[in-house]
Protein backbone atom coordinates (compact mmCIF):
# COMPACT_ATOMS: atom_id res chain seq x y z
CA UNK A 1 3.49 1.23 -5.76
CA UNK A 2 5.42 -0.26 -8.59
CA UNK A 3 6.31 -4.25 -7.90
CA UNK A 4 8.00 -6.83 -10.00
CA UNK A 5 8.35 -10.40 -9.51
CA UNK A 6 9.35 -14.01 -11.10
CA UNK A 7 8.73 -17.38 -11.92
CA UNK A 8 11.92 -19.38 -9.64
CA UNK A 9 12.27 -21.74 -12.28
CA UNK A 10 12.20 -19.57 -15.75
CA UNK A 11 14.87 -16.93 -16.85
CA UNK A 12 13.32 -13.98 -17.59
CA UNK A 13 13.86 -10.49 -18.75
CA UNK A 14 12.08 -6.79 -17.71
CA UNK A 15 13.07 -3.72 -19.91
CA UNK A 16 11.04 -0.54 -18.51
CA UNK A 17 10.37 2.84 -18.49
CA UNK A 18 8.88 4.70 -15.80
CA UNK A 19 7.88 8.42 -17.21
CA UNK A 20 6.20 11.17 -14.69
CA UNK A 21 5.18 14.53 -15.15
CA UNK A 22 4.68 16.93 -11.67
CA UNK A 23 3.15 19.94 -12.48
CA UNK A 24 4.16 22.70 -10.23
CA UNK A 25 3.59 22.62 -6.49
CA UNK A 26 2.90 19.05 -7.66
CA UNK A 27 4.31 15.93 -5.02
CA UNK A 28 4.82 12.15 -5.98
CA UNK A 29 5.99 9.14 -4.31
CA UNK A 30 6.85 6.28 -6.34
CA UNK A 31 7.99 2.89 -4.44
CA UNK A 32 9.97 -0.03 -7.35
CA UNK A 33 10.08 -3.12 -5.53
CA UNK A 34 11.93 -5.15 -8.10
CA UNK A 35 11.76 -9.14 -7.14
CA UNK A 36 12.91 -11.00 -10.01
CA UNK A 37 14.79 -14.46 -9.71
CA UNK A 38 18.54 -14.99 -9.75
CA UNK A 39 17.96 -15.79 -13.56
CA UNK A 40 16.74 -12.60 -14.77
CA UNK A 41 17.68 -9.32 -16.12
CA UNK A 42 16.67 -6.44 -14.79
CA UNK A 43 17.08 -2.93 -16.37
CA UNK A 44 14.32 0.46 -15.70
CA UNK A 45 14.48 3.44 -17.18
CA UNK A 46 13.13 6.29 -14.13
CA UNK A 47 12.17 9.64 -16.77
CA UNK A 48 10.73 13.14 -14.98
CA UNK A 49 9.68 16.29 -16.21
CA UNK A 50 9.22 18.38 -12.89
CA UNK A 51 7.28 22.14 -13.25
CA UNK A 52 8.27 24.48 -10.77
CA UNK A 53 8.79 23.53 -7.20
CA UNK A 54 7.38 20.21 -8.31
CA UNK A 55 9.63 16.90 -5.87
CA UNK A 56 9.55 13.36 -6.93
CA UNK A 57 10.64 10.81 -4.82
CA UNK A 58 11.61 7.51 -5.85
CA UNK A 59 12.11 4.77 -3.67
CA UNK A 60 14.14 1.70 -5.34
CA UNK A 61 13.98 -1.70 -3.36
CA UNK A 62 16.15 -3.82 -5.19
CA UNK A 63 16.44 -7.68 -4.34
CA UNK A 64 15.97 -9.42 -7.09
CA UNK A 65 17.70 -9.88 -10.64
CA UNK A 66 20.68 -11.41 -12.16
CA UNK A 67 21.15 -7.92 -13.34
CA UNK A 68 19.48 -4.79 -12.17
CA UNK A 69 20.54 -1.90 -14.07
CA UNK A 70 18.28 1.71 -13.68
CA UNK A 71 18.96 4.93 -15.62
CA UNK A 72 17.77 7.92 -14.23
CA UNK A 73 16.78 11.57 -15.87
CA UNK A 74 15.10 14.86 -14.85
CA UNK A 75 14.25 17.55 -16.68
CA UNK A 76 13.83 20.42 -14.43
CA UNK A 77 11.37 23.30 -16.00
CA UNK A 78 11.14 26.74 -15.31
CA UNK A 79 8.30 29.13 -16.13
């Protein structure tokens, strides 16, 4: 679980990258929670590499931010 929050009185900026690599037959669950205030900007990129029969499950809970933009990229590797 990854959780971001901010002070209600300040303008903040979050620009993050989450990189994952799942080996063969692996399972990964990620919960991402954005609780930034309404003066803040949130930019998040999810980059994944999955080998044979691997799986990644993302749960995005996005309550905060003046702007919140997410980008997803997955590379499926076969052997």
